[in-house]
Structure formats: C-alpha cells, structure tokens
PDB file of N, CA and C in Angstrom:
ATOM      1  N   MET A   1     -14.858 -32.686 -31.454  1.00  0.00           N
ATOM      2  CA  MET A   1     -16.273 -32.856 -31.822  1.00  0.00           C
ATOM      3  C   MET A   1     -16.861 -31.479 -32.022  1.00  0.00           C
ATOM      4  N   GLU A   2     -17.658 -31.434 -33.021  1.00  0.00           N
ATOM      5  CA  GLU A   2     -18.317 -30.207 -33.363  1.00  0.00           C
ATOM      6  C   GLU A   2     -19.767 -30.365 -33.685  1.00  0.00           C
ATOM      7  N   LEU A   3     -20.591 -29.468 -33.175  1.00  0.00           N
ATOM      8  CA  LEU A   3     -22.036 -29.528 -33.416  1.00  0.00           C
ATOM      9  C   LEU A   3     -22.322 -28.240 -34.288  1.00  0.00           C
ATOM     10  N   THR A   4     -22.920 -28.457 -35.389  1.00  0.00           N
ATOM     11  CA  THR A   4     -23.259 -27.288 -36.263  1.00  0.00           C
ATOM     12  C   THR A   4     -24.755 -27.062 -36.415  1.00  0.00           C
ATOM     13  N   GLY A   5     -25.135 -26.018 -37.058  1.00  0.00           N
ATOM     14  CA  GLY A   5     -26.504 -25.757 -37.354  1.00  0.00           C
ATOM     15  C   GLY A   5     -27.233 -26.861 -38.065  1.00  0.00           C
ATOM     16  N   ASP A   6     -26.509 -27.691 -38.815  1.00  0.00           N
ATOM     17  CA  ASP A   6     -27.110 -28.808 -39.502  1.00  0.00           C
ATOM     18  C   ASP A   6     -27.670 -29.878 -38.557  1.00  0.00           C
ATOM     19  N   ASN A   7     -27.138 -29.875 -37.334  1.00  0.00           N
ATOM     20  CA  ASN A   7     -27.613 -30.899 -36.327  1.00  0.00           C
ATOM     21  C   ASN A   7     -28.820 -30.420 -35.653  1.00  0.00           C
ATOM     22  N   ILE A   8     -29.285 -29.192 -35.797  1.00  0.00           N
ATOM     23  CA  ILE A   8     -30.419 -28.660 -35.089  1.00  0.00           C
ATOM     24  C   ILE A   8     -31.664 -28.806 -35.980  1.00  0.00           C
ATOM     25  N   ASN A   9     -32.656 -29.634 -35.404  1.00  0.00           N
ATOM     26  CA  ASN A   9     -33.881 -29.757 -36.100  1.00  0.00           C
ATOM     27  C   ASN A   9     -34.791 -28.534 -35.867  1.00  0.00           C
ATOM     28  N   ASP A  10     -34.804 -28.054 -34.646  1.00  0.00           N
ATOM     29  CA  ASP A  10     -35.713 -26.932 -34.295  1.00  0.00           C
ATOM     30  C   ASP A  10     -35.137 -26.252 -33.026  1.00  0.00           C
ATOM     31  N   ALA A  11     -35.466 -24.953 -32.861  1.00  0.00           N
ATOM     32  CA  ALA A  11     -35.208 -24.184 -31.720  1.00  0.00           C
ATOM     33  C   ALA A  11     -36.340 -23.159 -31.600  1.00  0.00           C
ATOM     34  N   GLN A  12     -36.927 -23.177 -30.356  1.00  0.00           N
ATOM     35  CA  GLN A  12     -38.006 -22.298 -30.043  1.00  0.00           C
ATOM     36  C   GLN A  12     -37.824 -21.630 -28.704  1.00  0.00           C
ATOM     37  N   ALA A  13     -38.264 -20.365 -28.600  1.00  0.00           N
ATOM     38  CA  ALA A  13     -38.244 -19.663 -27.347  1.00  0.00           C
ATOM     39  C   ALA A  13     -39.442 -20.232 -26.584  1.00  0.00           C
ATOM     40  N   GLY A  14     -39.282 -20.296 -25.185  1.00  0.00           N
ATOM     41  CA  GLY A  14     -40.371 -20.684 -24.333  1.00  0.00           C
ATOM     42  C   GLY A  14     -39.980 -20.408 -22.888  1.00  0.00           C
ATOM     43  N   PHE A  15     -40.443 -21.304 -22.027  1.00  0.00           N
ATOM     44  CA  PHE A  15     -40.158 -21.018 -20.644  1.00  0.00           C
ATOM     45  C   PHE A  15     -39.735 -22.389 -19.977  1.00  0.00           C
ATOM     46  N   ASP A  16     -38.828 -22.224 -18.899  1.00  0.00           N
ATOM     47  CA  ASP A  16     -38.415 -23.426 -18.148  1.00  0.00           C
ATOM     48  C   ASP A  16     -39.505 -23.845 -17.169  1.00  0.00           C
ATOM     49  N   GLU A  17     -39.180 -24.803 -16.311  1.00  0.00           N
ATOM     50  CA  GLU A  17     -40.169 -25.410 -15.346  1.00  0.00           C
ATOM     51  C   GLU A  17     -40.416 -24.357 -14.278  1.00  0.00           C
ATOM     52  N   ASN A  18     -39.646 -23.272 -14.188  1.00  0.00           N
ATOM     53  CA  ASN A  18     -39.925 -22.246 -13.163  1.00  0.00           C
ATOM     54  C   ASN A  18     -40.526 -20.996 -13.753  1.00  0.00           C
ATOM     55  N   GLY A  19     -40.882 -21.043 -15.061  1.00  0.00           N
ATOM     56  CA  GLY A  19     -41.547 -19.968 -15.746  1.00  0.00           C
ATOM     57  C   GLY A  19     -40.541 -18.864 -16.239  1.00  0.00           C
ATOM     58  N   ALA A  20     -39.353 -19.172 -16.237  1.00  0.00           N
ATOM     59  CA  ALA A  20     -38.232 -18.254 -16.689  1.00  0.00           C
ATOM     60  C   ALA A  20     -38.089 -18.386 -18.173  1.00  0.00           C
ATOM     61  N   PRO A  21     -37.745 -17.427 -18.963  1.00  0.00           N
ATOM     62  CA  PRO A  21     -37.497 -17.543 -20.355  1.00  0.00           C
ATOM     63  C   PRO A  21     -36.439 -18.580 -20.613  1.00  0.00           C
ATOM     64  N   ALA A  22     -36.590 -19.385 -21.681  1.00  0.00           N
ATOM     65  CA  ALA A  22     -35.689 -20.427 -22.073  1.00  0.00           C
ATOM     66  C   ALA A  22     -35.715 -20.669 -23.590  1.00  0.00           C
ATOM     67  N   VAL A  23     -34.756 -21.332 -24.132  1.00  0.00           N
ATOM     68  CA  VAL A  23     -34.687 -21.761 -25.455  1.00  0.00           C
ATOM     69  C   VAL A  23     -34.697 -23.238 -25.545  1.00  0.00           C
ATOM     70  N   HIS A  24     -35.615 -23.865 -26.268  1.00  0.00           N
ATOM     71  CA  HIS A  24     -35.750 -25.320 -26.400  1.00  0.00           C
ATOM     72  C   HIS A  24     -35.254 -25.768 -27.720  1.00  0.00           C
ATOM     73  N   ILE A  25     -34.226 -26.651 -27.750  1.00  0.00           N
ATOM     74  CA  ILE A  25     -33.639 -27.044 -28.937  1.00  0.00           C
ATOM     75  C   ILE A  25     -33.838 -28.548 -29.164  1.00  0.00           C
ATOM     76  N   ASN A  26     -34.201 -29.042 -30.397  1.00  0.00           N
ATOM     77  CA  ASN A  26     -34.172 -30.356 -30.775  1.00  0.00           C
ATOM     78  C   ASN A  26     -33.108 -30.739 -31.783  1.00  0.00           C
ATOM     79  N   LEU A  27     -32.289 -31.723 -31.392  1.00  0.00           N
ATOM     80  CA  LEU A  27     -31.196 -32.096 -32.172  1.00  0.00           C
ATOM     81  C   LEU A  27     -31.439 -33.361 -33.026  1.00  0.00           C
ATOM     82  N   ASP A  28     -30.752 -33.515 -34.098  1.00  0.00           N
ATOM     83  CA  ASP A  28     -30.781 -34.807 -34.851  1.00  0.00           C
ATOM     84  C   ASP A  28     -30.067 -35.873 -34.085  1.00  0.00           C
ATOM     85  N   ALA A  29     -30.034 -37.064 -34.541  1.00  0.00           N
ATOM     86  CA  ALA A  29     -29.417 -38.257 -33.893  1.00  0.00           C
ATOM     87  C   ALA A  29     -27.958 -37.959 -33.711  1.00  0.00           C
ATOM     88  N   THR A  30     -27.273 -37.456 -34.712  1.00  0.00           N
ATOM     89  CA  THR A  30     -25.821 -37.185 -34.626  1.00  0.00           C
ATOM     90  C   THR A  30     -25.514 -36.047 -33.611  1.00  0.00           C
ATOM     91  N   GLY A  31     -26.330 -35.065 -33.640  1.00  0.00           N
ATOM     92  CA  GLY A  31     -26.132 -33.929 -32.689  1.00  0.00           C
ATOM     93  C   GLY A  31     -26.466 -34.388 -31.274  1.00  0.00           C
ATOM     94  N   ALA A  32     -27.519 -35.225 -31.119  1.00  0.00           N
ATOM     95  CA  ALA A  32     -27.787 -35.678 -29.782  1.00  0.00           C
ATOM     96  C   ALA A  32     -26.620 -36.525 -29.119  1.00  0.00           C
ATOM     97  N   SER A  33     -26.063 -37.334 -29.939  1.00  0.00           N
ATOM     98  CA  SER A  33     -24.886 -38.140 -29.584  1.00  0.00           C
ATOM     99  C   SER A  33     -23.712 -37.291 -29.119  1.00  0.00           C
ATOM    100  N   ILE A  34     -23.377 -36.358 -30.011  1.00  0.00           N
ATOM    101  CA  ILE A  34     -22.278 -35.367 -29.651  1.00  0.00           C
ATOM    102  C   ILE A  34     -22.575 -34.665 -28.418  1.00  0.00           C
ATOM    103  N   PHE A  35     -23.746 -34.122 -28.251  1.00  0.00           N
ATOM    104  CA  PHE A  35     -24.131 -33.234 -27.202  1.00  0.00           C
ATOM    105  C   PHE A  35     -24.124 -34.096 -25.859  1.00  0.00           C
ATOM    106  N   ARG A  36     -24.546 -35.261 -25.926  1.00  0.00           N
ATOM    107  CA  ARG A  36     -24.580 -36.165 -24.737  1.00  0.00           C
ATOM    108  C   ARG A  36     -23.177 -36.349 -24.239  1.00  0.00           C
ATOM    109  N   GLN A  37     -22.291 -36.652 -25.099  1.00  0.00           N
ATOM    110  CA  GLN A  37     -20.837 -36.930 -24.767  1.00  0.00           C
ATOM    111  C   GLN A  37     -20.205 -35.695 -24.228  1.00  0.00           C
ATOM    112  N   VAL A  38     -20.284 -34.577 -24.932  1.00  0.00           N
ATOM    113  CA  VAL A  38     -19.684 -33.333 -24.497  1.00  0.00           C
ATOM    114  C   VAL A  38     -20.243 -32.826 -23.152  1.00  0.00           C
ATOM    115  N   THR A  39     -21.474 -32.900 -23.011  1.00  0.00           N
ATOM    116  CA  THR A  39     -22.034 -32.480 -21.705  1.00  0.00           C
ATOM    117  C   THR A  39     -21.704 -33.388 -20.565  1.00  0.00           C
ATOM    118  N   ALA A  40     -21.578 -34.709 -20.764  1.00  0.00           N
ATOM    119  CA  ALA A  40     -21.178 -35.566 -19.736  1.00  0.00           C
ATOM    120  C   ALA A  40     -19.756 -35.321 -19.382  1.00  0.00           C
ATOM    121  N   ASP A  41     -18.849 -34.904 -20.261  1.00  0.00           N
ATOM    122  CA  ASP A  41     -17.503 -34.725 -19.961  1.00  0.00           C
ATOM    123  C   ASP A  41     -17.160 -33.290 -19.431  1.00  0.00           C
ATOM    124  N   ASN A  42     -18.155 -32.448 -19.466  1.00  0.00           N
ATOM    125  CA  ASN A  42     -17.894 -30.960 -19.053  1.00  0.00           C
ATOM    126  C   ASN A  42     -18.831 -30.376 -18.095  1.00  0.00           C
ATOM    127  N   ILE A  43     -19.442 -31.113 -17.245  1.00  0.00           N
ATOM    128  CA  ILE A  43     -20.406 -30.607 -16.228  1.00  0.00           C
ATOM    129  C   ILE A  43     -19.709 -29.542 -15.442  1.00  0.00           C
ATOM    130  N   GLY A  44     -20.420 -28.483 -15.282  1.00  0.00           N
ATOM    131  CA  GLY A  44     -19.862 -27.339 -14.469  1.00  0.00           C
ATOM    132  C   GLY A  44     -19.092 -26.245 -15.314  1.00  0.00           C
ATOM    133  N   LYS A  45     -18.848 -26.566 -16.533  1.00  0.00           N
ATOM    134  CA  LYS A  45     -18.180 -25.703 -17.428  1.00  0.00           C
ATOM    135  C   LYS A  45     -19.080 -25.009 -18.378  1.00  0.00           C
ATOM    136  N   ARG A  46     -18.659 -23.918 -18.998  1.00  0.00           N
ATOM    137  CA  ARG A  46     -19.498 -23.153 -19.981  1.00  0.00           C
ATOM    138  C   ARG A  46     -19.264 -23.819 -21.288  1.00  0.00           C
ATOM    139  N   MET A  47     -20.374 -23.721 -22.135  1.00  0.00           N
ATOM    140  CA  MET A  47     -20.301 -24.223 -23.534  1.00  0.00           C
ATOM    141  C   MET A  47     -20.714 -23.015 -24.434  1.00  0.00           C
ATOM    142  N   ALA A  48     -19.835 -22.454 -25.193  1.00  0.00           N
ATOM    143  CA  ALA A  48     -20.178 -21.293 -25.961  1.00  0.00           C
ATOM    144  C   ALA A  48     -20.851 -21.825 -27.363  1.00  0.00           C
ATOM    145  N   MET A  49     -21.907 -21.125 -27.701  1.00  0.00           N
ATOM    146  CA  MET A  49     -22.497 -21.387 -28.999  1.00  0.00           C
ATOM    147  C   MET A  49     -22.164 -20.117 -29.807  1.00  0.00           C
ATOM    148  N   ILE A  50     -21.490 -20.373 -30.948  1.00  0.00           N
ATOM    149  CA  ILE A  50     -20.874 -19.214 -31.643  1.00  0.00           C
ATOM    150  C   ILE A  50     -21.464 -19.099 -33.082  1.00  0.00           C
ATOM    151  N   LEU A  51     -21.829 -17.883 -33.381  1.00  0.00           N
ATOM    152  CA  LEU A  51     -22.341 -17.539 -34.736  1.00  0.00           C
ATOM    153  C   LEU A  51     -21.121 -17.076 -35.578  1.00  0.00           C
ATOM    154  N   VAL A  52     -20.823 -17.733 -36.664  1.00  0.00           N
ATOM    155  CA  VAL A  52     -19.737 -17.419 -37.537  1.00  0.00           C
ATOM    156  C   VAL A  52     -20.358 -16.847 -38.850  1.00  0.00           C
ATOM    157  N   GLU A  53     -20.013 -15.643 -39.075  1.00  0.00           N
ATOM    158  CA  GLU A  53     -20.587 -14.902 -40.283  1.00  0.00           C
ATOM    159  C   GLU A  53     -19.532 -14.124 -40.946  1.00  0.00           C
ATOM    160  N   LYS A  54     -19.219 -14.429 -42.190  1.00  0.00           N
ATOM    161  CA  LYS A  54     -18.150 -13.712 -42.924  1.00  0.00           C
ATOM    162  C   LYS A  54     -16.856 -13.773 -42.254  1.00  0.00           C
ATOM    163  N   GLY A  55     -16.474 -14.895 -41.681  1.00  0.00           N
ATOM    164  CA  GLY A  55     -15.208 -15.055 -40.977  1.00  0.00           C
ATOM    165  C   GLY A  55     -15.134 -14.482 -39.606  1.00  0.00           C
ATOM    166  N   LYS A  56     -16.239 -13.867 -39.155  1.00  0.00           N
ATOM    167  CA  LYS A  56     -16.219 -13.242 -37.764  1.00  0.00           C
ATOM    168  C   LYS A  56     -17.002 -14.081 -36.902  1.00  0.00           C
ATOM    169  N   ALA A  57     -16.501 -14.430 -35.678  1.00  0.00           N
ATOM    170  CA  ALA A  57     -17.230 -15.278 -34.688  1.00  0.00           C
ATOM    171  C   ALA A  57     -17.769 -14.263 -33.601  1.00  0.00           C
ATOM    172  N   GLU A  58     -19.073 -14.611 -33.191  1.00  0.00           N
ATOM    173  CA  GLU A  58     -19.707 -13.861 -32.114  1.00  0.00           C
ATOM    174  C   GLU A  58     -20.413 -14.912 -31.296  1.00  0.00           C
ATOM    175  N   VAL A  59     -20.205 -14.805 -29.923  1.00  0.00           N
ATOM    176  CA  VAL A  59     -20.850 -15.674 -28.996  1.00  0.00           C
ATOM    177  C   VAL A  59     -22.318 -15.370 -28.908  1.00  0.00           C
ATOM    178  N   VAL A  60     -23.157 -16.361 -29.208  1.00  0.00           N
ATOM    179  CA  VAL A  60     -24.579 -16.209 -29.152  1.00  0.00           C
ATOM    180  C   VAL A  60     -25.053 -16.345 -27.750  1.00  0.00           C
ATOM    181  N   THR A  61     -24.510 -17.439 -27.073  1.00  0.00           N
ATOM    182  CA  THR A  61     -24.832 -17.684 -25.716  1.00  0.00           C
ATOM    183  C   THR A  61     -23.790 -18.640 -25.141  1.00  0.00           C
ATOM    184  N   ALA A  62     -23.605 -18.627 -23.890  1.00  0.00           N
ATOM    185  CA  ALA A  62     -22.531 -19.416 -23.261  1.00  0.00           C
ATOM    186  C   ALA A  62     -23.013 -20.000 -21.911  1.00  0.00           C
ATOM    187  N   PRO A  63     -23.968 -20.921 -21.940  1.00  0.00           N
ATOM    188  CA  PRO A  63     -24.525 -21.405 -20.681  1.00  0.00           C
ATOM    189  C   PRO A  63     -23.600 -22.423 -19.955  1.00  0.00           C
ATOM    190  N   VAL A  64     -23.827 -22.548 -18.684  1.00  0.00           N
ATOM    191  CA  VAL A  64     -23.077 -23.569 -17.921  1.00  0.00           C
ATOM    192  C   VAL A  64     -23.773 -24.966 -18.008  1.00  0.00           C
ATOM    193  N   ILE A  65     -22.917 -25.950 -18.285  1.00  0.00           N
ATOM    194  CA  ILE A  65     -23.566 -27.293 -18.410  1.00  0.00           C
ATOM    195  C   ILE A  65     -23.874 -27.763 -16.982  1.00  0.00           C
ATOM    196  N   ARG A  66     -25.137 -28.006 -16.687  1.00  0.00           N
ATOM    197  CA  ARG A  66     -25.472 -28.458 -15.333  1.00  0.00           C
ATOM    198  C   ARG A  66     -25.566 -29.995 -15.185  1.00  0.00           C
ATOM    199  N   SER A  67     -25.746 -30.716 -16.282  1.00  0.00           N
ATOM    200  CA  SER A  67     -25.759 -32.187 -16.260  1.00  0.00           C
ATOM    201  C   SER A  67     -25.659 -32.733 -17.642  1.00  0.00           C
ATOM    202  N   GLU A  68     -25.429 -34.047 -17.762  1.00  0.00           N
ATOM    203  CA  GLU A  68     -25.367 -34.698 -19.006  1.00  0.00           C
ATOM    204  C   GLU A  68     -26.760 -34.509 -19.643  1.00  0.00           C
ATOM    205  N   ILE A  69     -26.778 -34.214 -20.926  1.00  0.00           N
ATOM    206  CA  ILE A  69     -27.969 -33.978 -21.669  1.00  0.00           C
ATOM    207  C   ILE A  69     -28.056 -34.998 -22.836  1.00  0.00           C
ATOM    208  N   GLY A  70     -28.867 -35.923 -22.659  1.00  0.00           N
ATOM    209  CA  GLY A  70     -29.062 -36.912 -23.724  1.00  0.00           C
ATOM    210  C   GLY A  70     -30.460 -36.813 -24.387  1.00  0.00           C
ATOM    211  N   GLY A  71     -30.670 -37.562 -25.362  1.00  0.00           N
ATOM    212  CA  GLY A  71     -32.004 -37.665 -25.975  1.00  0.00           C
ATOM    213  C   GLY A  71     -32.229 -36.519 -27.060  1.00  0.00           C
ATOM    214  N   GLY A  72     -31.370 -35.656 -27.262  1.00  0.00           N
ATOM    215  CA  GLY A  72     -31.546 -34.657 -28.345  1.00  0.00           C
ATOM    216  C   GLY A  72     -32.495 -33.507 -27.981  1.00  0.00           C
ATOM    217  N   ARG A  73     -32.897 -33.447 -26.731  1.00  0.00           N
ATOM    218  CA  ARG A  73     -33.761 -32.241 -26.326  1.00  0.00           C
ATOM    219  C   ARG A  73     -32.972 -31.429 -25.375  1.00  0.00           C
ATOM    220  N   VAL A  74     -32.609 -30.216 -25.682  1.00  0.00           N
ATOM    221  CA  VAL A  74     -31.784 -29.309 -24.904  1.00  0.00           C
ATOM    222  C   VAL A  74     -32.537 -28.055 -24.544  1.00  0.00           C
ATOM    223  N   GLN A  75     -32.305 -27.599 -23.312  1.00  0.00           N
ATOM    224  CA  GLN A  75     -32.879 -26.397 -22.833  1.00  0.00           C
ATOM    225  C   GLN A  75     -31.771 -25.438 -22.344  1.00  0.00           C
ATOM    226  N   ILE A  76     -31.798 -24.215 -22.790  1.00  0.00           N
ATOM    227  CA  ILE A  76     -30.889 -23.156 -22.392  1.00  0.00           C
ATOM    228  C   ILE A  76     -31.777 -22.227 -21.546  1.00  0.00           C
ATOM    229  N   SER A  77     -31.387 -21.996 -20.322  1.00  0.00           N
ATOM    230  CA  SER A  77     -32.209 -21.109 -19.524  1.00  0.00           C
ATOM    231  C   SER A  77     -31.334 -20.354 -18.582  1.00  0.00           C
ATOM    232  N   GLY A  78     -31.867 -19.263 -17.962  1.00  0.00           N
ATOM    233  CA  GLY A  78     -31.166 -18.488 -16.924  1.00  0.00           C
ATOM    234  C   GLY A  78     -30.642 -17.163 -17.567  1.00  0.00           C
ATOM    235  N   SER A  79     -30.782 -16.141 -16.739  1.00  0.00           N
ATOM    236  CA  SER A  79     -30.442 -14.720 -17.122  1.00  0.00           C
ATOM    237  C   SER A  79     -30.606 -14.292 -18.531  1.00  0.00           C
ATOM    238  N   MET A  80     -31.878 -14.582 -19.046  1.00  0.00           N
ATOM    239  CA  MET A  80     -32.198 -13.989 -20.359  1.00  0.00           C
ATOM    240  C   MET A  80     -33.720 -13.559 -20.271  1.00  0.00           C
ATOM    241  N   ASN A  81     -34.034 -12.632 -21.027  1.00  0.00           N
ATOM    242  CA  ASN A  81     -35.427 -12.099 -21.078  1.00  0.00           C
ATOM    243  C   ASN A  81     -36.093 -12.769 -22.225  1.00  0.00           C
ATOM    244  N   PRO A  82     -37.401 -12.658 -22.356  1.00  0.00           N
ATOM    245  CA  PRO A  82     -38.092 -13.374 -23.502  1.00  0.00           C
ATOM    246  C   PRO A  82     -37.594 -12.926 -24.915  1.00  0.00           C
ATOM    247  N   ALA A  83     -37.212 -11.703 -25.013  1.00  0.00           N
ATOM    248  CA  ALA A  83     -36.684 -11.197 -26.368  1.00  0.00           C
ATOM    249  C   ALA A  83     -35.404 -11.802 -26.656  1.00  0.00           C
ATOM    250  N   GLU A  84     -34.507 -11.932 -25.662  1.00  0.00           N
ATOM    251  CA  GLU A  84     -33.242 -12.600 -25.888  1.00  0.00           C
ATOM    252  C   GLU A  84     -33.458 -14.077 -26.166  1.00  0.00           C
ATOM    253  N   ALA A  85     -34.310 -14.725 -25.534  1.00  0.00           N
ATOM    254  CA  ALA A  85     -34.590 -16.134 -25.811  1.00  0.00           C
ATOM    255  C   ALA A  85     -35.126 -16.309 -27.283  1.00  0.00           C
ATOM    256  N   ASN A  86     -35.924 -15.445 -27.708  1.00  0.00           N
ATOM    257  CA  ASN A  86     -36.480 -15.410 -29.047  1.00  0.00           C
ATOM    258  C   ASN A  86     -35.413 -15.206 -30.108  1.00  0.00           C
ATOM    259  N   ASP A  87     -34.525 -14.237 -29.812  1.00  0.00           N
ATOM    260  CA  ASP A  87     -33.439 -13.944 -30.786  1.00  0.00           C
ATOM    261  C   ASP A  87     -32.513 -15.140 -30.836  1.00  0.00           C
ATOM    262  N   THR A  88     -32.156 -15.787 -29.728  1.00  0.00           N
ATOM    263  CA  THR A  88     -31.283 -16.966 -29.752  1.00  0.00           C
ATOM    264  C   THR A  88     -31.868 -18.050 -30.484  1.00  0.00           C
ATOM    265  N   ALA A  89     -33.178 -18.359 -30.316  1.00  0.00           N
ATOM    266  CA  ALA A  89     -33.871 -19.452 -30.963  1.00  0.00           C
ATOM    267  C   ALA A  89     -33.867 -19.120 -32.455  1.00  0.00           C
ATOM    268  N   LEU A  90     -34.090 -17.929 -32.843  1.00  0.00           N
ATOM    269  CA  LEU A  90     -34.068 -17.504 -34.342  1.00  0.00           C
ATOM    270  C   LEU A  90     -32.671 -17.708 -34.875  1.00  0.00           C
ATOM    271  N   LEU A  91     -31.605 -17.431 -34.234  1.00  0.00           N
ATOM    272  CA  LEU A  91     -30.261 -17.633 -34.713  1.00  0.00           C
ATOM    273  C   LEU A  91     -29.981 -19.151 -34.884  1.00  0.00           C
ATOM    274  N   LEU A  92     -30.472 -19.938 -33.849  1.00  0.00           N
ATOM    275  CA  LEU A  92     -30.195 -21.348 -33.955  1.00  0.00           C
ATOM    276  C   LEU A  92     -31.005 -22.051 -35.117  1.00  0.00           C
ATOM    277  N   ARG A  93     -32.265 -21.603 -35.276  1.00  0.00           N
ATOM    278  CA  ARG A  93     -33.012 -22.168 -36.408  1.00  0.00           C
ATOM    279  C   ARG A  93     -32.522 -21.811 -37.720  1.00  0.00           C
ATOM    280  N   ALA A  94     -31.858 -20.628 -37.796  1.00  0.00           N
ATOM    281  CA  ALA A  94     -31.371 -20.201 -39.099  1.00  0.00           C
ATOM    282  C   ALA A  94     -30.247 -21.094 -39.701  1.00  0.00           C
ATOM    283  N   GLY A  95     -29.726 -22.048 -38.852  1.00  0.00           N
ATOM    284  CA  GLY A  95     -28.694 -23.017 -39.250  1.00  0.00           C
ATOM    285  C   GLY A  95     -27.369 -22.369 -39.489  1.00  0.00           C
ATOM    286  N   SER A  96     -27.216 -21.186 -38.836  1.00  0.00           N
ATOM    287  CA  SER A  96     -25.941 -20.489 -39.049  1.00  0.00           C
ATOM    288  C   SER A  96     -25.015 -20.646 -37.798  1.00  0.00           C
ATOM    289  N   LEU A  97     -25.355 -21.559 -36.983  1.00  0.00           N
ATOM    290  CA  LEU A  97     -24.617 -21.811 -35.716  1.00  0.00           C
ATOM    291  C   LEU A  97     -23.499 -22.847 -35.885  1.00  0.00           C
ATOM    292  N   ALA A  98     -22.271 -22.447 -35.479  1.00  0.00           N
ATOM    293  CA  ALA A  98     -21.206 -23.419 -35.442  1.00  0.00           C
ATOM    294  C   ALA A  98     -20.777 -23.438 -33.946  1.00  0.00           C
ATOM    295  N   ALA A  99     -20.959 -24.564 -33.337  1.00  0.00           N
ATOM    296  CA  ALA A  99     -20.647 -24.623 -31.878  1.00  0.00           C
ATOM    297  C   ALA A  99     -19.576 -25.650 -31.619  1.00  0.00           C
ATOM    298  N   PRO A 100     -18.279 -25.176 -31.695  1.00  0.00           N
ATOM    299  CA  PRO A 100     -17.140 -26.078 -31.392  1.00  0.00           C
ATOM    300  C   PRO A 100     -17.310 -26.617 -29.941  1.00  0.00           C
ATOM    301  N   MET A 101     -16.986 -27.952 -29.757  1.00  0.00           N
ATOM    302  CA  MET A 101     -17.170 -28.430 -28.415  1.00  0.00           C
ATOM    303  C   MET A 101     -15.864 -28.634 -27.705  1.00  0.00           C
ATOM    304  N   ASN A 102     -14.775 -27.950 -28.091  1.00  0.00           N
ATOM    305  CA  ASN A 102     -13.566 -27.998 -27.452  1.00  0.00           C
ATOM    306  C   ASN A 102     -13.469 -26.908 -26.343  1.00  0.00           C
ATOM    307  N   ILE A 103     -13.110 -27.212 -25.090  1.00  0.00           N
ATOM    308  CA  ILE A 103     -13.045 -26.221 -24.114  1.00  0.00           C
ATOM    309  C   ILE A 103     -11.620 -25.555 -24.306  1.00  0.00           C
ATOM    310  N   VAL A 104     -11.677 -24.302 -24.761  1.00  0.00           N
ATOM    311  CA  VAL A 104     -10.498 -23.617 -25.063  1.00  0.00           C
ATOM    312  C   VAL A 104     -10.026 -22.704 -23.862  1.00  0.00           C
ATOM    313  N   GLU A 105     -10.968 -22.084 -23.214  1.00  0.00           N
ATOM    314  CA  GLU A 105     -10.714 -21.151 -22.068  1.00  0.00           C
ATOM    315  C   GLU A 105     -11.920 -21.148 -21.162  1.00  0.00           C
ATOM    316  N   GLU A 106     -11.662 -21.029 -19.984  1.00  0.00           N
ATOM    317  CA  GLU A 106     -12.690 -20.911 -18.945  1.00  0.00           C
ATOM    318  C   GLU A 106     -12.502 -19.607 -18.173  1.00  0.00           C
ATOM    319  N   ARG A 107     -13.606 -18.944 -17.906  1.00  0.00           N
ATOM    320  CA  ARG A 107     -13.487 -17.752 -17.088  1.00  0.00           C
ATOM    321  C   ARG A 107     -14.837 -17.497 -16.386  1.00  0.00           C
ATOM    322  N   THR A 108     -14.797 -16.841 -15.235  1.00  0.00           N
ATOM    323  CA  THR A 108     -15.956 -16.467 -14.539  1.00  0.00           C
ATOM    324  C   THR A 108     -16.462 -15.178 -15.013  1.00  0.00           C
ATOM    325  N   VAL A 109     -17.766 -15.096 -15.393  1.00  0.00           N
ATOM    326  CA  VAL A 109     -18.359 -13.949 -15.936  1.00  0.00           C
ATOM    327  C   VAL A 109     -19.428 -13.467 -14.887  1.00  0.00           C
ATOM    328  N   GLY A 110     -19.264 -12.227 -14.461  1.00  0.00           N
ATOM    329  CA  GLY A 110     -20.164 -11.619 -13.482  1.00  0.00           C
ATOM    330  C   GLY A 110     -21.473 -11.113 -14.124  1.00  0.00           C
ATOM    331  N   PRO A 111     -22.483 -10.843 -13.333  1.00  0.00           N
ATOM    332  CA  PRO A 111     -23.777 -10.384 -13.840  1.00  0.00           C
ATOM    333  C   PRO A 111     -23.835  -8.832 -14.245  1.00  0.00           C
ATOM    334  N   SER A 112     -22.800  -8.091 -13.952  1.00  0.00           N
ATOM    335  CA  SER A 112     -22.824  -6.650 -14.270  1.00  0.00           C
ATOM    336  C   SER A 112     -22.699  -6.403 -15.702  1.00  0.00           C
ATOM    337  N   PRO A 113     -23.533  -5.448 -16.255  1.00  0.00           N
ATOM    338  CA  PRO A 113     -23.408  -5.109 -17.734  1.00  0.00           C
ATOM    339  C   PRO A 113     -22.077  -4.353 -18.029  1.00  0.00           C
ATOM    340  N   GLY A 114     -21.776  -4.395 -19.346  1.00  0.00           N
ATOM    341  CA  GLY A 114     -20.637  -3.682 -19.762  1.00  0.00           C
ATOM    342  C   GLY A 114     -19.390  -4.395 -19.675  1.00  0.00           C
TER     343      GLY A 114
END
C-alpha cells in the first residue's frame, strides 16, 4: 500500500491539544482508507514520509504511530518547532510526497542532534 501526495487534500501547520507545534493533514477517501489500515496494523512503529526528488529520497518526518487513524484527518506532533511544522506542511501540500507504507526497517532514534 502506498500513500502519495495525490491523496493529500491539505496540510497546515498548527498546534496539538497541548499547544505544541503540529502538522494537520486532510486526506482524500482513498488516502484515508489506506492510512486507517496501515496505522491499525503498525501501532508503536515509525512511519516515514519521504520526499522523492530527481531520484533521491529524503525523510521528511518519521513519527511513531500511536493509534489507528481513521477519517482522513491526521496530526503529526512531537519534537518539532513551529518552523519545522510549517516546512513539513509546505512539503506535503506541494504534492511531492511519496510515503510507502511498507515497514522496511525499524530503529530507535535518540533525541541528540547529529
């Protein structure tokens, strides 16, 4: 299953229920169905959203799936500042996102920079 930029109706920077920076994404019906199934099957795992440009892939964000997400309204939050949330939303809105939904590798990432 693959979710692409074509499945994203909108993405906006904002804040979560705790006032922390977040990205709010609205998916079309196909995207919502794919996202619901993938999140239900992968709770506790990371899901990478990857920008593919000129054959090169770069991870835009890789949040941990906390719960099944249905309905086509998605929120990405945690460890980002408002500028990063805005940049992520901009990339998602641009329709250049290809987000494969296959878990290829899992690793623990620490909070230290570099």
